[in-house]
Amino acid sequence: MLSVLRQAQDGWVQPLDGAQGAMELTTALALSLVLFLTVYIFLSWFSLNRCKSLPPGPTPVPLLGTPQYMDFRDPKIYQKLSKEYGSVFTIWKMSEPVIVLCGFETVKDALINHAEQFSARPIIPVMEVSTKGYDINGPRWRSLRRFAMAYLRKWGTGKRTLEMRVLAETKYLIQAVSETGGKPFNPSMLLSCAVGNIISSLLFGEKFDYQDEKLRELVSCTARYIKAVKSPLSTICNIVPALLKIPYIRNKAIEDTTYIQRFVTKYMEHHKGTFNPLSPKDYIDHYLKKIKEVEHEVDADFCDFSLLGTLVGLLAAGIDTTSSTLKFMLMLIAHYPDVQAKVQQEIDEVTKSLRPPELMDKPQMPYTNAVIHEVQRVLDLAPTALFHATTEDVKFRGYNIPKGTTVIPFLTSVLTDPSQWETPEEFNPGHFLNEDGQFRTKLAFMAFSVGKRACLGENLASMNLFLFFSSLLQKFTFTLPPGTQCQDAKLLNLNKNNIIGSGKICAEPRPLSARCPDAHQERQ
C-alpha cells in the first residue's frame, strides 16, 4: 500500500517539476525581453540626444547605425541625402557619428577655413592592423609628411632633373605604344610601367625595362593593395573592427598589404647594406639618414616601421592613381576626336614637332592644360578622398562636432557643383579657360583634395600627366576599336572602373606632315 502511494506521489511530482521549469523559462525569457527593450530604448534615447547637437541625417538603428549608407565604394547616395538634409549631415558607423560635407562652399569652409580643426585622420582598423599607426596617414603624419614633401621639393617636383627623367621615359612609352601597330590594345600595363619607373627612381633609385619581372611585380602588388583597400571585406572590417580578432578574417583582410610590404622590405634591406650617409641616393637613403639622426629619441617617428608604411603609401598613391588617370584620359579623348585634334594642333604649334613638349611649354598650351584638368574633374577618381577627423570640439555651421569625429569631404559634390561649373555634367574644357582662352585655376578643382591633408604628390602627378599625355598625343591619334560607339562624359564616368581596368584603344601614328606641315617642309 505504501509503495502504491509512493508511486502515485512520484507520478504527481514529475508533472509538477515540468510545469515549474516551464514557468521559470517563461520568466527568464520575459525578463530578457524586458532587459533588451530597456537597453534598446536607452540606446535610442542616447542616440537621439547625441543627434541633437549633430547635423541632421537618417535616423540610426541602435547598435547598427545606418549600415545602408556605409558602403563607401559607391557614395553617390550622398547626393540624395544632401538634398534631404542639407550640405552637412550625419550618418552612423554603428554607434559612432560620421559627418558628410557636400558642396564647394561647405567643403572649402571645413578644409581651408577650418583647416587645422579638420586635419586629423580617423583610425582605419584594417590599416591599423598592418601599420600600427606608423604610416603617413596615421597619428605621426605631421613629421612624416613634412619629410616626404621636403624630399619631393628638393629632388623631385619642379626640378629639371626629374623632368628629364620623365621625358626620357616618354620615349620608351612611345616606342612601346608604337609596337601595337594601331591595333586595339589595353594600355594599362604600359602606362603603369612608365609611371612606376618614375616613382621607383625616386624611392628606390632604380629603373626597369618594361618587360622586367620586378617592375611588373611592383605594378601588380600596388594594384592589388589598392583593390584590397577598397574591397567589401575591408569595408565590413572597418565598420565592425571586432571581426579582425578572428585570425582567418584578419589575415585575409591584410594579405595584399603584407604582399606589398614584403616587396618593399627587400629594397629596405638592400639599401641598409649599401647605405652611405655622406651620399644618399634616393628616398630610402635619405630616410635611413634621418633614422640615424633621431636614433637617440624614445619612440621616434622615424624608424623602420614608418619607412615601410610611408613607402607603401607613396607607391599606392604615386603609381595607381596617376596611371589610372592617364588611362582614362586616353580613353575619353578618343570619344571626343574634335577635342583631341585641337590639343594636337596646339602641341604642334608650340613644339613645331621638333622636340617633345616640356614643362616650360605649359603656359603656351592653355587648351591642353584645360583638357587635362577637365578630364580629372570628369573622372572623379576619389569621390570621398581619405577621411578626415576633427582635432578638437568644433562649432561648424551651427552644429557641434565632437573631437575625433570622422568627417567625409564628398569631393564629387564639389567637382559637380553647379555654382562652380557652367555645365557640370558635361565634358567642357572651357571650365578652365578664361574669356581670352588662357588657362585659369579654380579652387573648386579638388581632384587632389585641399588643405593640410591635400595629396602631397599633387605636383609630381601633375608633371607626369602633362608630359606623358602631351607626348603621346604629339605622336599618336587615339581612336576607339572598330564597332565601338562614342559615349558622353557622364556615361564614361559611370563606367570608369571598367574603362580603367579593361578598356581597349587604338593608337594610330601621326605622320610628320600631319603634325606640322611647316616642319615637314623644312626637313625636306
Protein backbone atom coordinates (compact mmCIF):
# COMPACT_ATOMS: atom_id res chain seq x y z
CA MET A 1 0.00 0.00 0.00
CA LEU A 2 2.83 2.36 0.88
CA SER A 3 4.60 1.55 -2.38
CA VAL A 4 1.44 2.39 -4.32
CA LEU A 5 1.18 5.70 -2.51
CA ARG A 6 4.80 6.42 -3.26
CA GLN A 7 4.28 5.65 -6.95
CA ALA A 8 1.24 7.88 -7.04
CA GLN A 9 3.14 10.57 -5.24
CA ASP A 10 6.09 10.15 -7.56
CA GLY A 11 3.77 10.31 -10.55
CA TRP A 12 2.35 13.60 -9.40
CA VAL A 13 5.74 15.11 -8.66
CA GLN A 14 7.05 14.78 -12.23
CA PRO A 15 4.41 16.93 -13.92
CA LEU A 16 4.71 19.46 -11.15
CA ASP A 17 8.51 19.81 -11.83
CA GLY A 18 7.89 20.20 -15.59
CA ALA A 19 5.39 22.99 -15.06
CA GLN A 20 7.73 24.74 -12.69
CA GLY A 21 10.58 24.55 -15.25
CA ALA A 22 8.35 25.96 -17.96
CA MET A 23 7.34 28.82 -15.71
CA GLU A 24 10.97 29.57 -14.91
CA LEU A 25 11.88 29.53 -18.63
CA THR A 26 8.96 31.84 -19.44
CA THR A 27 10.00 34.19 -16.65
CA ALA A 28 13.63 34.22 -17.87
CA LEU A 29 12.54 34.97 -21.44
CA ALA A 30 10.22 37.74 -20.25
CA LEU A 31 12.98 39.29 -18.14
CA SER A 32 15.42 39.05 -21.08
CA LEU A 33 12.91 40.71 -23.36
CA VAL A 34 12.30 43.49 -20.83
CA LEU A 35 16.06 43.95 -20.43
CA PHE A 36 16.57 44.03 -24.21
CA LEU A 37 13.76 46.55 -24.67
CA THR A 38 15.16 48.66 -21.84
CA VAL A 39 18.62 48.69 -23.40
CA TYR A 40 17.13 49.36 -26.84
CA ILE A 41 15.04 52.27 -25.56
CA PHE A 42 18.02 53.67 -23.64
CA LEU A 43 20.29 53.45 -26.67
CA SER A 44 17.61 55.02 -28.86
CA TRP A 45 17.22 57.86 -26.35
CA PHE A 46 21.00 58.21 -26.09
CA SER A 47 21.42 58.30 -29.87
CA LEU A 48 18.64 60.83 -30.31
CA ASN A 49 20.17 63.04 -27.62
CA ARG A 50 23.57 62.81 -29.32
CA CYS A 51 21.91 63.71 -32.61
CA LYS A 52 20.56 66.97 -31.20
CA SER A 53 23.94 68.70 -31.36
CA LEU A 54 25.00 66.98 -34.59
CA PRO A 55 23.94 67.79 -38.14
CA PRO A 56 20.67 66.10 -39.21
CA GLY A 57 20.58 62.82 -41.05
CA PRO A 58 18.77 59.50 -41.38
CA THR A 59 17.71 58.08 -38.01
CA PRO A 60 20.19 55.43 -36.84
CA VAL A 61 19.19 52.00 -35.58
CA PRO A 62 20.68 51.49 -32.10
CA LEU A 63 23.90 49.44 -32.24
CA LEU A 64 23.68 49.11 -36.05
CA GLY A 65 23.74 52.76 -37.05
CA THR A 66 22.91 53.41 -40.73
CA PRO A 67 24.69 50.50 -42.48
CA GLN A 68 22.87 51.17 -45.77
CA TYR A 69 24.90 54.37 -46.17
CA MET A 70 28.29 53.00 -45.13
CA ASP A 71 29.37 51.42 -48.44
CA PHE A 72 31.97 53.99 -49.43
CA ARG A 73 32.68 52.28 -52.76
CA ASP A 74 29.57 53.93 -54.21
CA PRO A 75 28.95 57.19 -52.37
CA LYS A 76 26.50 58.64 -54.94
CA ILE A 77 23.76 58.16 -52.32
CA TYR A 78 25.23 61.19 -50.53
CA GLN A 79 23.92 63.39 -53.35
CA LYS A 80 20.37 62.32 -52.46
CA LEU A 81 20.92 62.66 -48.73
CA SER A 82 22.30 66.18 -49.15
CA LYS A 83 19.11 67.22 -50.96
CA GLU A 84 17.08 65.99 -47.99
CA TYR A 85 19.29 67.04 -45.07
CA GLY A 86 21.47 69.86 -46.42
CA SER A 87 25.18 70.27 -47.15
CA VAL A 88 26.23 68.91 -43.73
CA PHE A 89 24.61 65.71 -42.47
CA THR A 90 25.28 62.74 -40.21
CA ILE A 91 25.35 59.03 -40.93
CA TRP A 92 26.30 56.41 -38.35
CA LYS A 93 29.02 53.76 -38.23
CA MET A 94 27.28 51.59 -35.65
CA SER A 95 27.25 53.91 -32.59
CA GLU A 96 29.77 56.41 -34.00
CA PRO A 97 28.63 59.51 -35.94
CA VAL A 98 30.19 60.24 -39.33
CA ILE A 99 29.80 63.75 -40.75
CA VAL A 100 29.46 64.16 -44.53
CA LEU A 101 30.30 67.51 -46.17
CA CYS A 102 28.77 68.37 -49.54
CA GLY A 103 29.21 71.24 -51.98
CA PHE A 104 32.06 73.61 -52.69
CA GLU A 105 31.33 76.22 -50.03
CA THR A 106 30.92 73.69 -47.22
CA VAL A 107 33.99 71.62 -48.10
CA LYS A 108 36.08 74.77 -48.55
CA ASP A 109 34.86 76.10 -45.21
CA ALA A 110 35.98 72.91 -43.45
CA LEU A 111 39.24 72.07 -45.22
CA ILE A 112 40.53 75.61 -45.80
CA ASN A 113 38.86 77.98 -43.34
CA HIS A 114 38.98 75.39 -40.51
CA ALA A 115 41.98 73.50 -41.87
CA GLU A 116 43.63 72.66 -38.54
CA GLN A 117 40.40 71.58 -36.84
CA PHE A 118 39.62 69.12 -39.65
CA SER A 119 43.19 67.92 -40.23
CA ALA A 120 43.19 64.64 -38.28
CA ARG A 121 42.53 61.19 -39.70
CA PRO A 122 40.27 58.59 -38.10
CA ILE A 123 41.71 55.20 -37.23
CA ILE A 124 41.07 52.80 -40.10
CA PRO A 125 41.10 49.38 -38.38
CA VAL A 126 42.39 47.31 -41.32
CA MET A 127 45.28 49.72 -41.92
CA GLU A 128 45.98 49.97 -38.20
CA VAL A 129 46.46 46.19 -38.02
CA SER A 130 49.18 46.24 -40.70
CA THR A 131 50.91 49.56 -39.94
CA LYS A 132 50.38 50.03 -36.16
CA GLY A 133 49.98 53.75 -36.89
CA TYR A 134 53.44 54.08 -38.49
CA ASP A 135 52.22 55.43 -41.82
CA ILE A 136 51.86 58.80 -43.46
CA ASN A 137 48.15 58.97 -42.60
CA GLY A 138 48.50 57.80 -39.00
CA PRO A 139 48.97 59.81 -35.79
CA ARG A 140 52.61 60.57 -36.72
CA TRP A 141 51.58 62.14 -40.00
CA ARG A 142 52.92 65.66 -39.46
CA SER A 143 56.61 64.82 -39.28
CA LEU A 144 56.39 62.02 -41.88
CA ARG A 145 54.50 64.21 -44.34
CA ARG A 146 56.88 67.14 -43.77
CA PHE A 147 59.85 64.90 -44.53
CA ALA A 148 58.27 63.47 -47.71
CA MET A 149 57.32 66.91 -49.01
CA ALA A 150 60.80 68.29 -48.32
CA TYR A 151 62.33 65.39 -50.26
CA LEU A 152 59.99 65.89 -53.23
CA ARG A 153 60.70 69.62 -53.30
CA LYS A 154 64.45 69.10 -53.18
CA TRP A 155 64.82 66.14 -55.50
CA GLY A 156 61.53 65.83 -57.32
CA THR A 157 58.84 68.23 -58.46
CA GLY A 158 59.94 71.45 -60.08
CA LYS A 159 63.44 70.12 -60.71
CA ARG A 160 64.80 69.87 -64.22
CA THR A 161 66.50 66.58 -63.30
CA LEU A 162 63.18 64.87 -62.65
CA GLU A 163 61.61 66.42 -65.75
CA MET A 164 64.44 64.96 -67.81
CA ARG A 165 63.72 61.53 -66.28
CA VAL A 166 60.07 61.80 -67.29
CA LEU A 167 60.96 62.99 -70.80
CA ALA A 168 63.34 60.06 -71.17
CA GLU A 169 60.59 57.71 -70.01
CA THR A 170 58.17 59.11 -72.59
CA LYS A 171 60.49 57.84 -75.33
CA TYR A 172 60.25 54.28 -74.00
CA LEU A 173 56.47 54.60 -73.63
CA ILE A 174 56.07 55.94 -77.18
CA GLN A 175 58.17 53.09 -78.54
CA ALA A 176 56.09 50.52 -76.65
CA VAL A 177 52.82 52.05 -77.89
CA SER A 178 54.10 52.20 -81.48
CA GLU A 179 54.70 48.43 -81.37
CA THR A 180 50.94 47.86 -81.11
CA GLY A 181 50.72 48.78 -84.82
CA GLY A 182 47.48 50.72 -84.48
CA LYS A 183 45.58 47.61 -83.33
CA PRO A 184 43.27 47.63 -80.28
CA PHE A 185 45.21 47.18 -77.04
CA ASN A 186 44.84 47.79 -73.32
CA PRO A 187 47.43 50.45 -72.35
CA SER A 188 47.05 49.92 -68.58
CA MET A 189 50.25 47.95 -68.04
CA LEU A 190 52.39 50.18 -70.27
CA LEU A 191 51.16 53.33 -68.51
CA SER A 192 51.67 51.75 -65.09
CA CYS A 193 55.22 50.73 -66.04
CA ALA A 194 56.04 54.25 -67.24
CA VAL A 195 54.69 55.90 -64.08
CA GLY A 196 56.12 53.09 -61.93
CA ASN A 197 59.61 53.77 -63.28
CA ILE A 198 59.40 57.42 -62.24
CA ILE A 199 58.21 56.55 -58.71
CA SER A 200 60.75 53.73 -58.42
CA SER A 201 63.62 56.03 -59.43
CA LEU A 202 62.61 58.49 -56.71
CA LEU A 203 62.04 55.96 -53.94
CA PHE A 204 64.44 53.12 -54.77
CA GLY A 205 66.90 54.73 -57.20
CA GLU A 206 66.10 52.04 -59.75
CA LYS A 207 64.59 51.99 -63.24
CA PHE A 208 63.48 48.94 -65.24
CA ASP A 209 62.75 47.67 -68.71
CA TYR A 210 59.01 47.28 -69.28
CA GLN A 211 59.41 43.51 -69.56
CA ASP A 212 61.34 43.26 -66.28
CA GLU A 213 59.50 40.98 -63.87
CA LYS A 214 60.48 43.17 -60.93
CA LEU A 215 58.72 46.20 -62.44
CA ARG A 216 55.65 44.17 -63.29
CA GLU A 217 55.59 42.78 -59.76
CA LEU A 218 55.80 46.33 -58.38
CA VAL A 219 52.85 47.40 -60.54
CA SER A 220 50.89 44.25 -59.72
CA CYS A 221 51.35 44.36 -55.95
CA THR A 222 50.46 48.07 -55.89
CA ALA A 223 47.24 47.42 -57.82
CA ARG A 224 46.40 44.50 -55.52
CA TYR A 225 46.92 46.70 -52.48
CA ILE A 226 44.61 49.43 -53.81
CA LYS A 227 41.95 46.86 -54.71
CA ALA A 228 42.18 45.30 -51.24
CA VAL A 229 41.78 48.67 -49.51
CA LYS A 230 38.50 49.19 -51.41
CA SER A 231 37.29 45.59 -51.10
CA PRO A 232 33.97 44.61 -49.45
CA LEU A 233 35.92 42.67 -46.79
CA SER A 234 37.95 45.74 -45.79
CA THR A 235 34.80 47.86 -45.76
CA ILE A 236 32.99 45.43 -43.45
CA CYS A 237 36.01 45.06 -41.14
CA ASN A 238 36.40 48.82 -40.89
CA ILE A 239 32.76 49.10 -39.87
CA VAL A 240 32.91 46.13 -37.47
CA PRO A 241 36.53 46.03 -36.20
CA ALA A 242 35.76 43.09 -33.91
CA LEU A 243 35.91 40.85 -37.00
CA LEU A 244 39.67 41.47 -37.18
CA LYS A 245 40.09 39.49 -33.96
CA ILE A 246 39.26 36.36 -35.96
CA PRO A 247 42.66 35.20 -37.33
CA TYR A 248 41.35 33.95 -40.68
CA ILE A 249 39.46 37.18 -41.43
CA ARG A 250 42.34 39.35 -40.23
CA ASN A 251 44.88 37.53 -42.38
CA LYS A 252 42.58 37.66 -45.39
CA ALA A 253 41.97 41.40 -44.93
CA ILE A 254 45.66 42.29 -44.83
CA GLU A 255 47.22 39.68 -47.12
CA ASP A 256 47.67 42.10 -50.03
CA THR A 257 49.15 44.69 -47.68
CA THR A 258 51.55 42.04 -46.42
CA TYR A 259 52.43 41.21 -50.04
CA ILE A 260 53.47 44.76 -50.93
CA GLN A 261 55.25 45.14 -47.57
CA ARG A 262 57.41 42.11 -48.38
CA PHE A 263 58.29 43.63 -51.76
CA VAL A 264 59.30 46.95 -50.17
CA THR A 265 61.20 45.28 -47.32
CA LYS A 266 63.60 43.70 -49.82
CA TYR A 267 64.58 47.17 -51.03
CA MET A 268 64.95 48.44 -47.48
CA GLU A 269 67.31 45.59 -46.57
CA HIS A 270 69.36 46.10 -49.73
CA HIS A 271 69.71 49.82 -49.02
CA LYS A 272 70.83 49.16 -45.46
CA GLY A 273 73.68 47.09 -46.84
CA THR A 274 74.82 49.78 -49.28
CA PHE A 275 73.91 52.89 -47.24
CA ASN A 276 76.41 55.75 -47.23
CA PRO A 277 75.18 58.66 -45.04
CA LEU A 278 77.54 61.05 -46.87
CA SER A 279 75.99 60.27 -50.25
CA PRO A 280 72.26 59.35 -50.07
CA LYS A 281 70.94 58.39 -53.49
CA ASP A 282 67.16 58.19 -53.12
CA TYR A 283 64.24 58.42 -50.71
CA ILE A 284 65.15 55.31 -48.75
CA ASP A 285 68.74 56.51 -48.26
CA HIS A 286 67.58 59.95 -47.08
CA TYR A 287 65.13 58.27 -44.70
CA LEU A 288 67.82 55.95 -43.31
CA LYS A 289 69.95 59.03 -42.70
CA LYS A 290 67.06 60.62 -40.80
CA ILE A 291 66.61 57.45 -38.72
CA LYS A 292 70.29 57.64 -37.79
CA GLU A 293 69.90 61.27 -36.70
CA VAL A 294 67.00 60.54 -34.30
CA GLU A 295 68.03 57.11 -33.04
CA HIS A 296 68.61 58.58 -29.55
CA GLU A 297 64.94 59.62 -29.26
CA VAL A 298 62.42 57.47 -27.39
CA ASP A 299 59.63 56.22 -29.67
CA ALA A 300 60.93 58.23 -32.64
CA ASP A 301 58.63 58.86 -35.58
CA PHE A 302 61.41 57.88 -37.99
CA CYS A 303 62.13 54.16 -37.81
CA ASP A 304 61.92 51.04 -39.96
CA PHE A 305 58.16 50.73 -39.34
CA SER A 306 57.38 54.26 -40.52
CA LEU A 307 59.71 53.91 -43.51
CA LEU A 308 57.84 50.77 -44.55
CA GLY A 309 54.42 52.40 -44.07
CA THR A 310 55.45 55.56 -45.90
CA LEU A 311 56.88 53.68 -48.88
CA VAL A 312 53.71 51.61 -49.27
CA GLY A 313 51.57 54.76 -49.14
CA LEU A 314 53.72 56.65 -51.66
CA LEU A 315 53.74 53.70 -54.06
CA ALA A 316 49.98 53.28 -53.90
CA ALA A 317 49.29 56.99 -54.36
CA GLY A 318 52.02 57.55 -56.93
CA ILE A 319 51.54 54.65 -59.33
CA ASP A 320 47.93 53.54 -59.34
CA THR A 321 46.18 56.91 -59.28
CA THR A 322 48.37 58.56 -61.92
CA SER A 323 48.34 55.60 -64.32
CA SER A 324 44.56 55.20 -63.90
CA THR A 325 44.07 58.88 -64.68
CA LEU A 326 46.28 58.65 -67.77
CA LYS A 327 44.36 55.61 -69.00
CA PHE A 328 41.04 57.41 -68.56
CA MET A 329 42.45 60.48 -70.35
CA LEU A 330 43.36 58.49 -73.44
CA MET A 331 40.07 56.63 -73.45
CA LEU A 332 37.99 59.79 -73.02
CA ILE A 333 39.91 61.77 -75.64
CA ALA A 334 39.15 59.01 -78.15
CA HIS A 335 35.43 59.68 -77.56
CA TYR A 336 35.97 63.40 -78.32
CA PRO A 337 38.00 63.48 -81.59
CA ASP A 338 37.41 67.22 -82.11
CA VAL A 339 38.92 67.98 -78.71
CA GLN A 340 41.83 65.66 -79.44
CA ALA A 341 42.52 67.40 -82.76
CA LYS A 342 42.55 70.79 -81.06
CA VAL A 343 45.03 69.56 -78.43
CA GLN A 344 47.28 68.14 -81.16
CA GLN A 345 47.14 71.41 -83.09
CA GLU A 346 48.24 73.35 -80.01
CA ILE A 347 51.09 70.92 -79.31
CA ASP A 348 52.27 71.12 -82.90
CA GLU A 349 52.22 74.92 -82.94
CA VAL A 350 54.28 75.17 -79.77
CA THR A 351 56.85 72.43 -80.44
CA LYS A 352 56.93 72.58 -84.27
CA SER A 353 57.26 68.77 -83.97
CA LEU A 354 60.99 69.29 -83.50
CA ARG A 355 61.00 68.22 -79.84
CA PRO A 356 58.68 66.73 -77.22
CA PRO A 357 56.54 69.08 -75.10
CA GLU A 358 58.21 70.28 -71.89
CA LEU A 359 57.02 71.93 -68.70
CA MET A 360 58.14 75.32 -69.94
CA ASP A 361 55.54 74.95 -72.72
CA LYS A 362 52.61 74.66 -70.34
CA PRO A 363 51.81 78.43 -70.29
CA GLN A 364 51.71 78.37 -74.10
CA MET A 365 49.41 75.30 -74.10
CA PRO A 366 46.35 76.53 -72.18
CA TYR A 367 43.86 74.31 -74.03
CA THR A 368 45.91 71.15 -73.42
CA ASN A 369 46.23 72.06 -69.75
CA ALA A 370 42.48 72.74 -69.56
CA VAL A 371 41.70 69.34 -71.12
CA ILE A 372 43.94 67.56 -68.60
CA HIS A 373 42.18 69.27 -65.69
CA GLU A 374 38.71 68.73 -67.12
CA VAL A 375 39.35 65.01 -67.62
CA GLN A 376 40.34 64.75 -63.96
CA ARG A 377 37.18 66.58 -62.94
CA VAL A 378 35.01 64.25 -65.01
CA LEU A 379 36.90 61.16 -63.86
CA ASP A 380 36.35 61.99 -60.18
CA LEU A 381 38.80 59.26 -59.18
CA ALA A 382 38.49 59.73 -55.39
CA PRO A 383 34.86 60.72 -54.66
CA THR A 384 35.38 60.94 -50.91
CA ALA A 385 39.16 61.32 -50.66
CA LEU A 386 40.72 59.91 -47.50
CA PHE A 387 38.54 60.54 -44.48
CA HIS A 388 39.30 63.38 -42.09
CA ALA A 389 38.66 63.68 -38.35
CA THR A 390 38.32 66.64 -36.03
CA THR A 391 41.27 67.55 -33.81
CA GLU A 392 39.03 69.24 -31.21
CA ASP A 393 35.38 70.03 -30.50
CA VAL A 394 34.28 72.15 -33.46
CA LYS A 395 31.41 74.58 -33.87
CA PHE A 396 30.77 74.27 -37.59
CA ARG A 397 27.88 75.81 -39.49
CA GLY A 398 25.69 75.89 -36.39
CA TYR A 399 26.45 72.31 -35.26
CA ASN A 400 28.66 70.93 -32.52
CA ILE A 401 31.02 68.26 -33.85
CA PRO A 402 32.94 66.39 -31.08
CA LYS A 403 36.69 65.87 -31.16
CA GLY A 404 37.73 62.73 -33.06
CA THR A 405 34.58 62.57 -35.20
CA THR A 406 35.11 61.08 -38.66
CA VAL A 407 34.45 63.56 -41.48
CA ILE A 408 33.89 62.70 -45.15
CA PRO A 409 34.54 65.52 -47.65
CA PHE A 410 32.35 64.42 -50.56
CA LEU A 411 34.53 65.70 -53.40
CA THR A 412 32.13 64.57 -56.12
CA SER A 413 29.71 67.24 -54.93
CA VAL A 414 32.48 69.84 -55.34
CA LEU A 415 33.58 68.69 -58.80
CA THR A 416 29.96 68.79 -60.00
CA ASP A 417 28.74 71.81 -58.02
CA PRO A 418 26.56 73.85 -60.45
CA SER A 419 27.56 77.05 -58.64
CA GLN A 420 31.16 76.46 -59.75
CA TRP A 421 30.86 74.77 -63.16
CA GLU A 422 28.78 76.04 -66.07
CA THR A 423 27.99 72.53 -67.38
CA PRO A 424 28.88 70.17 -64.51
CA GLU A 425 27.51 67.03 -66.18
CA GLU A 426 29.37 67.61 -69.45
CA PHE A 427 32.98 67.37 -70.59
CA ASN A 428 33.85 71.00 -71.17
CA PRO A 429 37.50 72.20 -71.21
CA GLY A 430 36.11 75.74 -71.19
CA HIS A 431 35.63 75.33 -67.44
CA PHE A 432 39.36 76.05 -67.13
CA LEU A 433 39.68 78.79 -69.75
CA ASN A 434 39.01 82.49 -69.33
CA GLU A 435 37.46 84.82 -71.88
CA ASP A 436 40.82 85.23 -73.62
CA GLY A 437 41.34 81.49 -73.95
CA GLN A 438 44.02 81.42 -71.24
CA PHE A 439 44.15 78.76 -68.55
CA ARG A 440 42.52 79.67 -65.25
CA THR A 441 42.89 77.85 -61.96
CA LYS A 442 39.75 77.10 -59.97
CA LEU A 443 39.62 76.43 -56.24
CA ALA A 444 36.72 74.08 -56.85
CA PHE A 445 39.10 71.75 -58.69
CA MET A 446 39.64 69.44 -55.73
CA ALA A 447 40.73 66.28 -57.54
CA PHE A 448 43.69 66.16 -55.12
CA SER A 449 41.64 67.46 -52.17
CA VAL A 450 42.74 70.69 -50.41
CA GLY A 451 44.04 71.94 -47.10
CA LYS A 452 46.57 70.40 -44.75
CA ARG A 453 45.85 66.86 -45.95
CA ALA A 454 45.82 67.52 -49.70
CA CYS A 455 47.69 64.91 -51.76
CA LEU A 456 51.40 65.56 -51.15
CA GLY A 457 52.25 64.15 -54.59
CA GLU A 458 49.98 66.57 -56.48
CA ASN A 459 52.81 68.44 -58.20
CA LEU A 460 54.57 65.22 -59.20
CA ALA A 461 51.33 63.75 -60.55
CA SER A 462 50.57 66.94 -62.48
CA MET A 463 54.03 66.86 -64.06
CA ASN A 464 53.61 63.23 -65.10
CA LEU A 465 50.13 63.80 -66.51
CA PHE A 466 51.14 66.81 -68.60
CA LEU A 467 54.35 65.34 -70.04
CA PHE A 468 53.05 61.82 -70.74
CA PHE A 469 49.70 62.98 -72.14
CA SER A 470 51.08 65.70 -74.43
CA SER A 471 53.95 63.50 -75.65
CA LEU A 472 51.58 60.68 -76.57
CA LEU A 473 49.17 62.98 -78.39
CA GLN A 474 52.06 64.52 -80.29
CA LYS A 475 52.92 61.11 -81.76
CA PHE A 476 49.55 59.31 -81.94
CA THR A 477 45.88 59.81 -82.63
CA PHE A 478 43.84 57.66 -80.25
CA THR A 479 40.69 56.09 -81.66
CA LEU A 480 38.08 53.62 -80.48
CA PRO A 481 38.24 49.98 -81.62
CA PRO A 482 36.04 49.24 -84.65
CA GLY A 483 32.37 48.92 -83.73
CA THR A 484 32.68 50.94 -80.51
CA GLN A 485 30.16 53.74 -80.10
CA CYS A 486 31.18 57.15 -78.74
CA GLN A 487 29.81 57.96 -75.30
CA ASP A 488 29.43 61.21 -73.41
CA ALA A 489 31.37 62.08 -70.26
CA LYS A 490 28.56 61.11 -67.88
CA LEU A 491 28.39 57.55 -69.20
CA LEU A 492 32.18 57.30 -69.20
CA ASN A 493 32.24 58.30 -65.55
CA LEU A 494 29.61 55.72 -64.64
CA ASN A 495 31.68 53.05 -66.40
CA LYS A 496 35.10 54.34 -65.29
CA ASN A 497 36.16 51.20 -63.39
CA ASN A 498 35.72 49.00 -66.46
CA ILE A 499 37.32 51.62 -68.70
CA ILE A 500 40.40 51.92 -66.48
CA GLY A 501 40.64 48.18 -65.96
CA SER A 502 39.90 46.52 -69.28
CA GLY A 503 39.19 49.25 -71.84
CA LYS A 504 40.98 48.95 -75.20
CA ILE A 505 42.06 51.68 -77.56
CA CYS A 506 43.88 52.13 -80.88
CA ALA A 507 46.99 54.32 -81.23
CA GLU A 508 47.43 55.40 -84.84
CA PRO A 509 50.84 57.01 -85.57
CA ARG A 510 50.59 60.58 -86.79
CA PRO A 511 52.64 61.26 -89.96
CA LEU A 512 55.06 64.18 -89.64
CA SER A 513 53.19 66.16 -92.30
CA ALA A 514 50.00 65.90 -90.25
CA ARG A 515 51.77 67.00 -87.09
CA CYS A 516 53.34 70.11 -88.58
CA PRO A 517 53.43 70.78 -92.34
CA ASP A 518 55.97 73.60 -91.94
CA ALA A 519 58.41 71.40 -90.07
CA HIS A 520 57.96 68.67 -92.69
CA GLN A 521 58.88 71.11 -95.47
CA GLU A 522 61.89 72.41 -93.52
CA ARG A 523 63.28 68.88 -93.06
CA GLN A 524 62.83 68.12 -96.76
